[in-house]
Protein backbone atom coordinates (compact mmCIF):
# COMPACT_ATOMS: atom_id res chain seq x y z
CA MET A 1 15.53 -30.60 -4.57
CA PRO A 2 13.44 -27.93 -2.07
CA THR A 3 11.93 -26.78 -4.66
CA THR A 4 10.85 -30.35 -6.53
CA LEU A 5 9.48 -31.81 -3.32
CA ALA A 6 7.85 -28.55 -2.59
CA PHE A 7 5.83 -28.95 -6.02
CA HIS A 8 5.25 -32.64 -5.25
CA GLN A 9 3.07 -31.66 -2.35
CA LEU A 10 1.35 -29.39 -3.73
CA SER A 11 0.40 -31.43 -7.08
CA VAL A 12 -0.61 -33.85 -4.08
CA ILE A 13 -3.32 -31.10 -2.36
CA ALA A 14 -3.82 -29.85 -5.83
CA ILE A 15 -5.14 -33.61 -6.72
CA SER A 16 -7.07 -34.27 -3.62
CA LEU A 17 -8.74 -31.35 -4.25
CA LEU A 18 -9.38 -32.42 -7.47
CA GLN A 19 -11.32 -35.30 -5.95
CA GLU A 20 -14.87 -35.62 -5.87
CA ASP A 21 -14.75 -38.71 -3.75
CA THR A 22 -12.88 -37.85 -1.02
CA SER A 23 -11.96 -39.72 2.70
CA SER A 24 -11.69 -36.32 4.39
CA ASP A 25 -15.26 -34.61 6.22
CA PHE A 26 -14.48 -31.23 4.51
CA SER A 27 -17.70 -30.05 2.91
CA ASP A 28 -17.82 -27.77 -0.28
CA LEU A 29 -16.76 -24.38 2.56
CA GLY A 30 -13.65 -26.52 3.47
CA LYS A 31 -11.79 -27.34 0.44
CA LYS A 32 -11.87 -23.75 -0.98
CA LEU A 33 -10.72 -22.50 2.66
CA LEU A 34 -7.79 -24.95 1.46
CA GLY A 35 -7.49 -24.16 -1.55
CA GLY A 36 -7.43 -20.22 -0.89
CA PHE A 37 -4.74 -21.49 1.83
CA VAL A 38 -2.39 -22.97 -0.39
CA LEU A 39 -3.11 -20.55 -3.10
CA ALA A 40 -1.79 -17.98 -0.85
CA VAL A 41 0.69 -19.95 0.30
CA VAL A 42 2.32 -21.01 -3.50
CA VAL A 43 1.49 -16.68 -4.53
CA ALA A 44 3.81 -15.44 -1.29
CA VAL A 45 6.97 -18.05 -1.94
CA ALA A 46 6.58 -16.81 -6.22
CA PHE A 47 6.68 -12.78 -4.65
CA THR A 48 9.70 -13.98 -2.65
CA PHE A 49 11.77 -15.75 -5.14
CA ILE A 50 10.77 -12.85 -7.71
CA LYS A 51 11.59 -9.95 -4.93
CA LEU A 52 15.18 -11.74 -4.59
CA ARG A 53 15.81 -12.12 -8.08
CA LEU A 54 14.97 -8.88 -8.64
CA ARG A 55 17.22 -7.43 -5.36
CA ASP A 56 20.37 -9.46 -6.89
CA LYS A 57 19.95 -7.82 -10.44
CA LYS A 58 20.23 -4.30 -8.85
CA PRO A 59 21.72 -4.15 -6.07
CA PRO A 60 21.24 -1.14 -2.93
CA ALA A 61 22.93 2.18 -2.94
CA GLU A 62 25.45 3.15 -1.18
CA PHE A 63 24.58 3.78 2.47
CA ILE A 64 25.72 7.37 3.34
CA SER A 65 25.98 8.71 7.12
CA ILE A 66 25.28 12.51 7.81
CA SER A 67 28.55 12.46 10.42
CA SER A 68 31.23 11.15 8.22
CA SER A 69 32.12 13.79 5.81
CA LEU A 70 35.07 12.42 4.40
CA ARG A 71 35.49 9.39 2.65
CA LYS A 72 38.65 7.90 2.96
CA ASP A 73 39.90 7.69 -0.41
CA GLU A 74 38.80 11.32 -1.47
CA PRO A 75 41.54 14.06 -0.16
CA SER A 76 41.30 15.92 3.02
CA LYS A 77 39.85 19.60 1.72
CA VAL A 78 40.07 20.53 5.43
CA THR A 79 42.92 23.00 6.24
CA ARG A 80 44.01 22.73 10.63
CA ASP A 81 45.70 25.27 12.27
């Protein structure tokens, strides 16, 4: 549902940018600035979704600590006196 609402808002902005006679007081430079901002937001959201999908497919490696030399599932190799 949030994705549908986001696409609806983007389509409304795109339609308003494509109209030649707008009620706003934007000049050509203002339209380019607003269009660039919308494009940057769309690219950032798409990049985030792609990055999250790749992270879900390939989980990060197990954390290895320098201070812990023994794992709990391995038998101890150290002999104590």
